[in-house]
Every structure is written in C-alpha cells, then in structure tokens.
Amino acid sequence: MDYREAQEDLQQEVRDALVHFTLSVFRRIQVLLRSFWNNRLL
C-alpha cells in the first residue's frame, strides 16, 4: 500500500464522515423547524 492509496482511503473516510455529519445536522434542523411550526400553529 503506497502513499497515494493511503491518501485516497483517508479522503474517502473524511468524505463519509462529512456526509454522515451533514445528514445528522440536517435531520436535527428539520426536527427543530417542525416543532417550531407546531408551536406557532397552536
């Protein structure tokens, strides 16, 4: 395993982590917005 392959593996891991992080943040924002709208409608 040479340096370039290690770099590609690292980039793939970082990309996966970023996607996972973005999805979790997006889901949290959706939940917050939904509860906010529900409170405003009540």
C-alpha atoms as a PDB file:
ATOM      1  CA  MET A   1       0.000   0.000   0.000  1.00  0.00           C
ATOM      2  CA  ASP A   2       1.684   3.173  -1.143  1.00  0.00           C
ATOM      3  CA  TYR A   3       1.236   6.750  -0.047  1.00  0.00           C
ATOM      4  CA  ARG A   4      -1.291   7.644  -2.730  1.00  0.00           C
ATOM      5  CA  GLU A   5      -3.579   4.740  -1.802  1.00  0.00           C
ATOM      6  CA  ALA A   6      -3.417   5.759   1.852  1.00  0.00           C
ATOM      7  CA  GLN A   7      -4.357   9.313   0.881  1.00  0.00           C
ATOM      8  CA  GLU A   8      -7.343   8.079  -1.140  1.00  0.00           C
ATOM      9  CA  ASP A   9      -8.541   5.908   1.749  1.00  0.00           C
ATOM     10  CA  LEU A  10      -8.238   8.860   4.112  1.00  0.00           C
ATOM     11  CA  GLN A  11     -10.158  11.131   1.741  1.00  0.00           C
ATOM     12  CA  GLN A  12     -12.907   8.503   1.445  1.00  0.00           C
ATOM     13  CA  GLU A  13     -13.192   8.257   5.246  1.00  0.00           C
ATOM     14  CA  VAL A  14     -13.327  12.036   5.588  1.00  0.00           C
ATOM     15  CA  ARG A  15     -15.980  12.239   2.880  1.00  0.00           C
ATOM     16  CA  ASP A  16     -18.098   9.569   4.593  1.00  0.00           C
ATOM     17  CA  ALA A  17     -17.768  11.351   7.933  1.00  0.00           C
ATOM     18  CA  LEU A  18     -18.783  14.675   6.381  1.00  0.00           C
ATOM     19  CA  VAL A  19     -21.835  13.123   4.727  1.00  0.00           C
ATOM     20  CA  HIS A  20     -22.865  11.467   7.993  1.00  0.00           C
ATOM     21  CA  PHE A  21     -22.343  14.716   9.932  1.00  0.00           C
ATOM     22  CA  THR A  22     -24.270  16.794   7.398  1.00  0.00           C
ATOM     23  CA  LEU A  23     -27.196  14.365   7.402  1.00  0.00           C
ATOM     24  CA  SER A  24     -27.421  14.339  11.195  1.00  0.00           C
ATOM     25  CA  VAL A  25     -27.306  18.156  11.357  1.00  0.00           C
ATOM     26  CA  PHE A  26     -29.920  18.415   8.606  1.00  0.00           C
ATOM     27  CA  ARG A  27     -32.195  15.979  10.441  1.00  0.00           C
ATOM     28  CA  ARG A  28     -31.815  17.943  13.678  1.00  0.00           C
ATOM     29  CA  ILE A  29     -32.698  21.206  11.896  1.00  0.00           C
ATOM     30  CA  GLN A  30     -35.772  19.554  10.366  1.00  0.00           C
ATOM     31  CA  VAL A  31     -36.953  18.406  13.797  1.00  0.00           C
ATOM     32  CA  LEU A  32     -36.374  21.875  15.242  1.00  0.00           C
ATOM     33  CA  LEU A  33     -38.264  23.563  12.410  1.00  0.00           C
ATOM     34  CA  ARG A  34     -41.149  21.120  12.679  1.00  0.00           C
ATOM     35  CA  SER A  35     -41.530  21.655  16.433  1.00  0.00           C
ATOM     36  CA  PHE A  36     -41.192  25.418  15.928  1.00  0.00           C
ATOM     37  CA  TRP A  37     -44.006  25.455  13.362  1.00  0.00           C
ATOM     38  CA  ASN A  38     -46.170  23.204  15.538  1.00  0.00           C
ATOM     39  CA  ASN A  39     -45.738  25.600  18.457  1.00  0.00           C
ATOM     40  CA  ARG A  40     -46.621  28.586  16.277  1.00  0.00           C
ATOM     41  CA  LEU A  41     -49.754  26.913  14.948  1.00  0.00           C
ATOM     42  CA  LEU A  42     -51.032  26.033  18.425  1.00  0.00           C
END
